[in-house]
Amino acid sequence: MSLAPLARIPKAELHLHIEGTLEPELAFALAARNGITLPYADTEALRKAYLFTDLQSFLDLYYELMAVLLTEDDFEALADAYLARAAEQGVRHAEIFFDPQAHTARGVALGTVVEGLSRALARSEERHGVSTKLILCFLRDLPAESAMETLEAAKPYLDRIVGVGLDSAEVGNPASKFREVYAAADALGLRKVAHAGEEGDPSYVWEALDVLGVERVDHGLRSMEDPELVARLVRDRVPLTLCPLSNVRLRTIEVLEDHPLPAMMDAGLLCTVNSDDPAYFGGYAGDTFHAVHEALALDPERMRELARNSFEAAFLDGSEEDEARRARYLADVEAWEF
């Protein structure tokens, strides 16, 4: 079923893990190509495994399925499949996370990952009409030393990496653990984002801001629990890359109708809506826009605001070409007819 115009409004996707776009059909195809046997009878059996109880049970499956990603061709196929789907759902610009440590731990070289993804990203604008940026994420449940080693290994590829991020299990792994890593990334001229306030309380968001110096907060869902934090985020216009379908699937919110997105927008927060790990959480960017519109009774102008926010929060300020893209995308948002 095709999406309604409201869901296909031009938008940027700023919170998207490329490994989380691995659909069961592609997983089985890559497994066959690489001589890997998955512990599932077929694609339907694998889809049933997506009934998560919490973040950790999701992460266990997420990392298990990465076994099929071995070659540059595999990573290219993964990224190209995502970009095709994203374009169909109105995405004009995507800032894509990847987790190098999850691959190097399996014996896959960081260069294999970057080269494969880059092949798809380099032709994305021509093939799909989607401009792209690549963000290297550190796994926060691993030691900070591993993150620093990963940053060092990434230096030959920094012409293709715009920034660094921080993901995986949040609780018990505060941002302060990665103070030196982010300082080193800053010295290299990399943009800085981090997951915070998904499962962790507002203190995790404060640390991401004050210790890591992040420019965007990925999730930030629990920021509303701290009025002082809300005031800070509003004052500094710090974007939040919210992922409502993910929040429901991982049980941080029981039902989408309870999501605080409307209240967050009313408070003046710069909110964006993203799909996170769409193959696992039941929807890509347009599906997510449709779902929040329906569940939260957001009117078309509120949806236009979310689309506008996504481009304003994007890292489209590194060149005249980027600034021209942003201006063009914003004009397309204003001209979009529902």
Protein backbone atom coordinates (compact mmCIF):
# COMPACT_ATOMS: atom_id res chain seq x y z
CA MET A 1 0.00 0.00 0.00
CA SER A 2 1.45 3.38 -1.00
CA LEU A 3 1.87 6.05 1.65
CA ALA A 4 -0.33 9.15 1.74
CA PRO A 5 1.23 12.49 0.72
CA LEU A 6 1.47 13.56 4.37
CA ALA A 7 3.80 10.63 5.13
CA ARG A 8 5.89 11.23 2.01
CA ILE A 9 6.64 14.87 2.78
CA PRO A 10 10.35 15.63 2.07
CA LYS A 11 12.36 14.84 5.18
CA ALA A 12 15.83 14.10 6.50
CA GLU A 13 16.53 10.94 8.47
CA LEU A 14 19.03 11.67 11.22
CA HIS A 15 18.78 8.58 13.43
CA LEU A 16 19.26 5.47 11.33
CA HIS A 17 21.52 2.49 12.03
CA ILE A 18 22.44 0.90 8.71
CA GLU A 19 22.80 -2.51 10.37
CA GLY A 20 19.21 -2.08 11.56
CA THR A 21 17.94 -1.97 7.98
CA LEU A 22 18.83 -5.63 7.36
CA GLU A 23 15.54 -7.16 6.22
CA PRO A 24 15.10 -10.94 6.61
CA GLU A 25 15.09 -11.48 2.84
CA LEU A 26 18.46 -9.75 2.41
CA ALA A 27 19.84 -11.51 5.48
CA PHE A 28 19.05 -14.90 3.95
CA ALA A 29 20.39 -13.84 0.53
CA LEU A 30 23.70 -12.68 2.01
CA ALA A 31 23.92 -15.77 4.22
CA ALA A 32 23.55 -17.98 1.14
CA ARG A 33 26.16 -15.97 -0.76
CA ASN A 34 28.64 -16.24 2.11
CA GLY A 35 27.97 -19.89 3.04
CA ILE A 36 26.44 -19.02 6.41
CA THR A 37 23.59 -20.97 8.00
CA LEU A 38 21.21 -18.82 10.01
CA PRO A 39 19.49 -20.40 13.04
CA TYR A 40 16.05 -19.76 11.53
CA ALA A 41 14.06 -21.95 9.17
CA ASP A 42 13.00 -19.12 6.87
CA THR A 43 12.24 -15.41 6.68
CA GLU A 44 8.95 -15.81 8.53
CA ALA A 45 10.65 -17.57 11.42
CA LEU A 46 13.18 -14.76 11.55
CA ARG A 47 10.45 -12.10 11.58
CA LYS A 48 8.87 -13.83 14.58
CA ALA A 49 12.18 -13.46 16.40
CA TYR A 50 11.64 -9.70 16.28
CA LEU A 51 9.28 -9.82 19.28
CA PHE A 52 11.62 -8.08 21.70
CA THR A 53 11.08 -7.65 25.40
CA ASP A 54 13.67 -4.90 25.94
CA LEU A 55 16.69 -3.17 24.46
CA GLN A 56 19.09 -5.98 25.32
CA SER A 57 17.01 -8.72 23.69
CA PHE A 58 16.87 -6.60 20.55
CA LEU A 59 20.63 -6.01 20.62
CA ASP A 60 21.30 -9.75 20.98
CA LEU A 61 19.45 -10.49 17.72
CA TYR A 62 20.83 -7.38 16.04
CA TYR A 63 24.42 -8.47 16.59
CA GLU A 64 23.68 -12.11 15.76
CA LEU A 65 22.42 -11.23 12.28
CA MET A 66 25.48 -9.14 11.48
CA ALA A 67 27.28 -12.42 10.79
CA VAL A 68 26.01 -12.26 7.20
CA LEU A 69 27.84 -8.97 6.52
CA LEU A 70 31.35 -9.89 5.43
CA THR A 71 32.39 -8.18 2.21
CA GLU A 72 32.32 -4.73 0.64
CA ASP A 73 29.58 -6.02 -1.65
CA ASP A 74 27.47 -6.99 1.38
CA PHE A 75 27.70 -3.53 2.93
CA GLU A 76 27.04 -1.90 -0.43
CA ALA A 77 23.91 -4.04 -0.90
CA LEU A 78 22.72 -3.22 2.62
CA ALA A 79 23.07 0.55 2.15
CA ASP A 80 21.62 0.55 -1.36
CA ALA A 81 18.54 -1.38 -0.21
CA TYR A 82 17.95 1.13 2.61
CA LEU A 83 18.37 4.15 0.35
CA ALA A 84 15.88 2.77 -2.18
CA ARG A 85 13.28 2.26 0.56
CA ALA A 86 14.00 5.64 2.13
CA ALA A 87 13.56 7.47 -1.15
CA GLU A 88 10.16 5.87 -1.65
CA GLN A 89 9.13 7.29 1.74
CA GLY A 90 10.15 10.89 1.17
CA VAL A 91 13.69 10.89 2.57
CA ARG A 92 15.83 13.43 0.71
CA HIS A 93 18.82 13.38 3.07
CA ALA A 94 20.08 10.61 5.36
CA GLU A 95 22.76 10.74 8.04
CA ILE A 96 23.61 7.10 8.52
CA PHE A 97 25.11 5.48 11.62
CA PHE A 98 27.37 2.44 11.43
CA ASP A 99 28.98 0.34 14.19
CA PRO A 100 32.56 -0.55 13.20
CA GLN A 101 33.37 -2.36 16.45
CA ALA A 102 30.56 -4.84 15.85
CA HIS A 103 32.27 -5.78 12.59
CA THR A 104 35.96 -5.62 13.52
CA ALA A 105 35.19 -7.93 16.46
CA ARG A 106 34.08 -10.49 13.87
CA GLY A 107 37.24 -10.11 11.82
CA VAL A 108 35.76 -7.70 9.26
CA ALA A 109 38.15 -4.82 8.61
CA LEU A 110 36.90 -1.28 9.17
CA GLY A 111 38.00 -0.46 5.63
CA THR A 112 35.73 -3.17 4.25
CA VAL A 113 32.75 -1.59 6.01
CA VAL A 114 33.52 1.99 4.99
CA GLU A 115 34.41 1.16 1.39
CA GLY A 116 31.27 -0.92 0.91
CA LEU A 117 28.94 1.66 2.43
CA SER A 118 30.69 4.47 0.55
CA ARG A 119 30.10 2.81 -2.81
CA ALA A 120 26.35 2.97 -2.24
CA LEU A 121 26.41 6.44 -0.70
CA ALA A 122 28.53 7.92 -3.47
CA ARG A 123 25.87 7.21 -6.09
CA SER A 124 22.84 7.71 -3.83
CA GLU A 125 21.99 11.22 -4.96
CA GLU A 126 22.08 10.19 -8.64
CA ARG A 127 20.34 6.84 -8.18
CA HIS A 128 17.85 7.61 -5.39
CA GLY A 129 17.73 11.39 -5.05
CA VAL A 130 19.01 11.12 -1.46
CA SER A 131 22.07 13.03 -0.22
CA THR A 132 23.98 11.29 2.57
CA LYS A 133 26.43 11.66 5.44
CA LEU A 134 28.12 8.85 7.39
CA ILE A 135 28.48 8.83 11.19
CA LEU A 136 30.77 6.38 12.99
CA CYS A 137 29.25 5.15 16.26
CA PHE A 138 31.11 3.75 19.26
CA LEU A 139 29.56 0.93 21.28
CA ARG A 140 29.14 2.33 24.75
CA ASP A 141 29.11 -1.07 26.48
CA LEU A 142 32.70 -1.67 25.32
CA PRO A 143 35.74 -0.04 26.98
CA ALA A 144 36.62 3.53 26.03
CA GLU A 145 40.02 2.21 24.92
CA SER A 146 38.28 0.22 22.18
CA ALA A 147 36.51 3.36 21.01
CA MET A 148 39.80 5.28 20.89
CA GLU A 149 41.42 2.48 18.88
CA THR A 150 38.48 2.57 16.48
CA LEU A 151 38.80 6.33 16.03
CA GLU A 152 42.50 5.91 15.29
CA ALA A 153 41.76 3.17 12.75
CA ALA A 154 39.18 5.39 11.07
CA LYS A 155 41.64 8.20 10.29
CA PRO A 156 42.32 7.05 6.69
CA TYR A 157 38.58 7.23 5.98
CA LEU A 158 37.67 10.56 7.56
CA ASP A 159 37.03 12.11 4.16
CA ARG A 160 33.89 9.95 4.12
CA ILE A 161 32.87 10.28 7.78
CA VAL A 162 31.20 13.47 9.02
CA GLY A 163 30.91 12.69 12.72
CA VAL A 164 30.90 10.29 15.64
CA GLY A 165 28.07 8.90 17.74
CA LEU A 166 27.52 6.68 20.75
CA ASP A 167 25.03 3.82 20.83
CA SER A 168 24.16 0.38 22.28
CA ALA A 169 23.20 -0.30 25.91
CA GLU A 170 22.85 3.06 27.67
CA VAL A 171 22.19 2.34 31.35
CA GLY A 172 25.43 1.90 33.28
CA ASN A 173 27.51 3.35 30.45
CA PRO A 174 27.40 7.12 30.95
CA ALA A 175 28.74 9.57 28.42
CA SER A 176 31.57 10.57 30.76
CA LYS A 177 33.21 7.22 30.00
CA PHE A 178 34.01 8.57 26.52
CA ARG A 179 35.23 12.06 27.43
CA GLU A 180 38.72 11.61 25.94
CA VAL A 181 37.42 9.87 22.82
CA TYR A 182 35.08 12.74 22.01
CA ALA A 183 37.79 15.28 22.69
CA ALA A 184 39.98 13.47 20.17
CA ALA A 185 37.12 13.37 17.65
CA ASP A 186 36.56 17.09 18.14
CA ALA A 187 40.24 17.75 17.47
CA LEU A 188 39.82 15.90 14.16
CA GLY A 189 36.98 18.21 13.18
CA LEU A 190 34.25 15.59 13.48
CA ARG A 191 30.66 16.44 14.38
CA LYS A 192 29.39 14.94 17.64
CA VAL A 193 26.12 13.21 18.52
CA ALA A 194 25.23 10.59 21.13
CA HIS A 195 22.35 8.41 22.24
CA ALA A 196 21.07 9.68 25.57
CA GLY A 197 17.81 9.67 27.48
CA GLU A 198 16.34 6.60 25.80
CA GLU A 199 16.39 4.25 28.77
CA GLY A 200 18.72 6.37 30.86
CA ASP A 201 17.43 9.25 32.99
CA PRO A 202 18.02 12.95 32.18
CA SER A 203 21.49 12.86 33.74
CA TYR A 204 22.63 10.92 30.67
CA VAL A 205 21.50 13.81 28.47
CA TRP A 206 23.25 16.38 30.66
CA GLU A 207 26.51 14.42 30.37
CA ALA A 208 26.19 14.11 26.60
CA LEU A 209 25.84 17.89 26.41
CA ASP A 210 28.34 19.01 29.02
CA VAL A 211 30.98 16.27 28.89
CA LEU A 212 30.91 15.21 25.24
CA GLY A 213 29.74 18.51 23.76
CA VAL A 214 27.22 16.88 21.43
CA GLU A 215 25.40 18.97 18.83
CA ARG A 216 22.39 16.64 18.65
CA VAL A 217 20.90 14.23 21.18
CA ASP A 218 19.81 10.90 19.74
CA HIS A 219 16.52 9.99 21.43
CA GLY A 220 16.40 12.41 24.39
CA LEU A 221 13.00 10.93 25.19
CA ARG A 222 13.29 11.30 28.96
CA SER A 223 14.41 14.94 28.82
CA MET A 224 10.87 16.00 29.72
CA GLU A 225 11.42 14.66 33.25
CA ASP A 226 13.77 17.60 33.95
CA PRO A 227 12.35 21.11 33.34
CA GLU A 228 15.81 22.67 33.66
CA LEU A 229 17.11 20.33 30.95
CA VAL A 230 14.17 21.18 28.70
CA ALA A 231 14.93 24.88 29.13
CA ARG A 232 18.58 24.24 28.20
CA LEU A 233 17.67 22.24 25.10
CA VAL A 234 15.18 24.89 23.98
CA ARG A 235 17.57 27.78 24.64
CA ASP A 236 20.43 26.17 22.73
CA ARG A 237 18.21 24.72 20.00
CA VAL A 238 19.69 21.26 20.48
CA PRO A 239 17.90 18.83 18.15
CA LEU A 240 16.42 15.60 19.47
CA THR A 241 16.30 12.66 17.04
CA LEU A 242 13.26 10.84 18.40
CA CYS A 243 12.32 7.32 17.29
CA PRO A 244 8.68 6.70 18.33
CA LEU A 245 8.22 3.23 16.79
CA SER A 246 11.45 2.09 18.40
CA ASN A 247 10.28 3.41 21.78
CA VAL A 248 7.15 1.27 21.58
CA ARG A 249 8.88 -1.88 20.32
CA LEU A 250 11.52 -1.65 23.07
CA ARG A 251 8.86 -0.91 25.72
CA THR A 252 10.21 2.45 26.80
CA ILE A 253 6.63 3.57 25.98
CA GLU A 254 3.74 1.12 26.13
CA VAL A 255 1.62 2.49 23.27
CA LEU A 256 2.33 5.12 20.65
CA GLU A 257 -0.64 7.18 21.82
CA ASP A 258 1.29 7.85 25.05
CA HIS A 259 4.36 9.26 23.30
CA PRO A 260 5.33 12.72 24.62
CA LEU A 261 6.15 14.10 21.14
CA PRO A 262 3.25 16.63 21.12
CA ALA A 263 4.20 17.92 24.58
CA MET A 264 7.84 18.12 23.56
CA MET A 265 6.93 20.20 20.51
CA ASP A 266 4.65 22.39 22.64
CA ALA A 267 7.60 22.98 24.99
CA GLY A 268 9.61 24.38 22.09
CA LEU A 269 11.99 21.45 21.66
CA LEU A 270 13.50 20.95 18.21
CA CYS A 271 12.13 17.45 17.61
CA THR A 272 12.73 15.22 14.63
CA VAL A 273 11.13 11.83 13.92
CA ASN A 274 13.23 8.92 12.67
CA SER A 275 13.07 5.16 12.16
CA ASP A 276 16.15 3.98 14.14
CA ASP A 277 16.32 0.29 13.08
CA PRO A 278 13.40 0.04 10.66
CA ALA A 279 13.76 -3.60 9.65
CA TYR A 280 13.33 -4.54 13.30
CA PHE A 281 10.87 -1.89 14.50
CA GLY A 282 8.19 -2.09 11.86
CA GLY A 283 8.58 1.04 9.78
CA TYR A 284 10.79 3.31 7.72
CA ALA A 285 10.73 7.11 7.80
CA GLY A 286 7.42 7.62 5.99
CA ASP A 287 5.80 4.82 7.97
CA THR A 288 6.92 6.57 11.14
CA PHE A 289 5.49 9.91 10.02
CA HIS A 290 2.19 8.19 9.21
CA ALA A 291 2.11 6.40 12.57
CA VAL A 292 2.71 9.52 14.70
CA HIS A 293 0.19 11.50 12.65
CA GLU A 294 -2.48 8.87 13.28
CA ALA A 295 -1.67 8.01 16.90
CA LEU A 296 -0.97 11.52 18.17
CA ALA A 297 -3.47 13.47 16.05
CA LEU A 298 -0.76 15.77 14.71
CA ASP A 299 -2.22 18.10 12.12
CA PRO A 300 -0.53 18.69 8.74
CA GLU A 301 1.25 21.83 9.91
CA ARG A 302 2.74 19.94 12.85
CA MET A 303 3.97 17.32 10.38
CA ARG A 304 5.45 20.08 8.23
CA GLU A 305 7.23 21.37 11.35
CA LEU A 306 8.78 17.94 11.95
CA ALA A 307 9.97 17.78 8.34
CA ARG A 308 11.37 21.32 8.55
CA ASN A 309 13.14 20.48 11.81
CA SER A 310 14.84 17.47 10.23
CA PHE A 311 16.59 19.60 7.61
CA GLU A 312 17.42 22.37 10.08
CA ALA A 313 19.04 19.79 12.38
CA ALA A 314 21.00 18.07 9.60
CA PHE A 315 24.75 18.52 9.18
CA LEU A 316 24.21 20.41 5.93
CA ASP A 317 26.52 23.27 6.70
CA GLY A 318 29.91 22.02 5.65
CA SER A 319 29.97 23.63 2.21
CA GLU A 320 28.10 25.94 -0.13
CA GLU A 321 26.76 22.83 -1.85
CA ASP A 322 25.34 21.54 1.43
CA GLU A 323 23.76 24.88 2.28
CA ALA A 324 22.16 24.96 -1.16
CA ARG A 325 20.76 21.50 -0.55
CA ARG A 326 19.29 22.55 2.78
CA ALA A 327 17.65 25.61 1.25
CA ARG A 328 16.22 23.51 -1.57
CA TYR A 329 14.90 20.86 0.79
CA LEU A 330 13.29 23.44 3.08
CA ALA A 331 11.61 25.08 0.10
CA ASP A 332 10.27 21.67 -0.94
CA VAL A 333 8.81 21.18 2.56
CA GLU A 334 6.99 24.51 2.44
CA ALA A 335 5.65 23.79 -1.04
CA TRP A 336 4.50 20.24 -0.25
CA GLU A 337 0.78 19.67 -0.67
CA PHE A 338 -1.00 17.18 1.58
